[in-house]
């Protein structure tokens, strides 16, 4: 009996070993091709196994007969790379410098397609067609550039392939070579208009010296946006305007106009542009905070004219000196010394190595600062004070993230109900709903309120604060939604709402 059972047991053991080994290989292949679980810092350009074990994933698909030959597809992308670099040479010194990234990016995309090793999201292409993205990677710090840098961070975290353009013709070249993979094109508004307008009659007047479109003379087909007779153009429903301000900047209206702020939340009619938003969390948290803050407040503004009492946008004429003098000195128990309160600024120009006086000599002006130096100055202050301009600046968010309150000037309010913040017109409307001790809201020209805000900010220090909508995780998910949504139904609805319902014919029905 035992002589018969033993061979059977061996067969069963061999079968179990075979099944277990096969399942292990399948699991190993799955892990190799899957990205790590997403977290705040994940940038995910390759599979999880690549990052964890730092070696090239074996091509298991060829072992089990599931490999798809994508060599032809990969070679077309390599040809696109050569075409693009030939048409649009780059210089590290001008506005086209971001385009230098495209060659290596296209090569990497072709290689992973050919080897069947692209990570999740990697074959999804985003065309960055606003010069602010180029500015962002070159260290520029305007509000638009800071927003663009945050979008680059979000797209990187989602592992999308980003390509850099500056004008209609380089954007069109990449779109035509990758059309099925391009999810969205994020345009500078003026460049999108040139793309829409381009045709055989006007193309020469729309040429850009650094991005010529003379290659279209070869087949005599001139265009950029998709339309009748130029079906190979960029669809309007994949095109979005990168627009810092509140009005729509796209033929399809607000939903196709991207915004750094959620204007619908505070607009009287409840309408606003497509809220994409941005986060300063990464760069803010990289700044070490001082162990103690100086007994001072910092005025927000780079330009001298912002501080001019004759400028109608300046909200504190003849009020800063008295408010500063009304603040108590700070007593140092160790030294026994008293430190008087002061107001400082970082604006105007330098003359003979010295910063110019900003109208009020009581204000200690340090002059314009490099970004990292400015961070240390604001982080070492006890509050940041708005003076009327600039509007919607990212700087108050920096201050809050450093644990520094912001004093937000109110330039307009409901006289019958002055506490109704939804009716306020302020320097930073997006902060109106945030209350003390983080943000203090003060009516223009009201010295009593100004002194009270100074005193409260000095007496009530805060910890780091980042509005929930501006956390990296929230911003990343809104960027995911932008890229992974099918916007065609939205485009059709926009045409109906903005044109058809009003009895107007939409010129771009064939452009969608």
Foldseek 3Di string as FASTA:
>chain_A
DVVVVVVVVVVVVVVVVVVVVVVVVVVLVVQQQADDPADLQALDFFGPCCVVVVDDDDLCCVVVVNDDACLVLLVLLLVLLVVLCVQFPDDCPDLCNQQVVVNVLSNVLSVCRRSVTGHPQALAEEEEADSLLVVLVVQDAFQLVQQSVQLVSLSSSNNYRYHYHHAQQSVLSVCLSSVVRYQAYEHALVRVVLQQPKFLPCPVVSADPNRGDCVCVVVSGIHAFDFVSCNSHNFLLRYAYADADWFFRHPLGQARYEYQFCVLVQDPVSDTHNYLHGAPVVVLVVADFDPAADQEEEEDDAELVLLDLVDPLFQQPPQPVVLQVPDFWDADPVVRDTHRYAYEYAYQAADPNHHDQSPDNRYHYPYHDRPSVVLRNLSRYLAYEYGRDDAQGCVLLSSLQSQHAYEKEWADADPVCRLPLSRTDISYNSCSVPDPPRYHYYYGPDNVSVSVNSRSSNVDTGHRDHPPCRRSVNSSVSSVCSRPDDSVVVSVVSCCVVAVVVVHDDPGPSRD
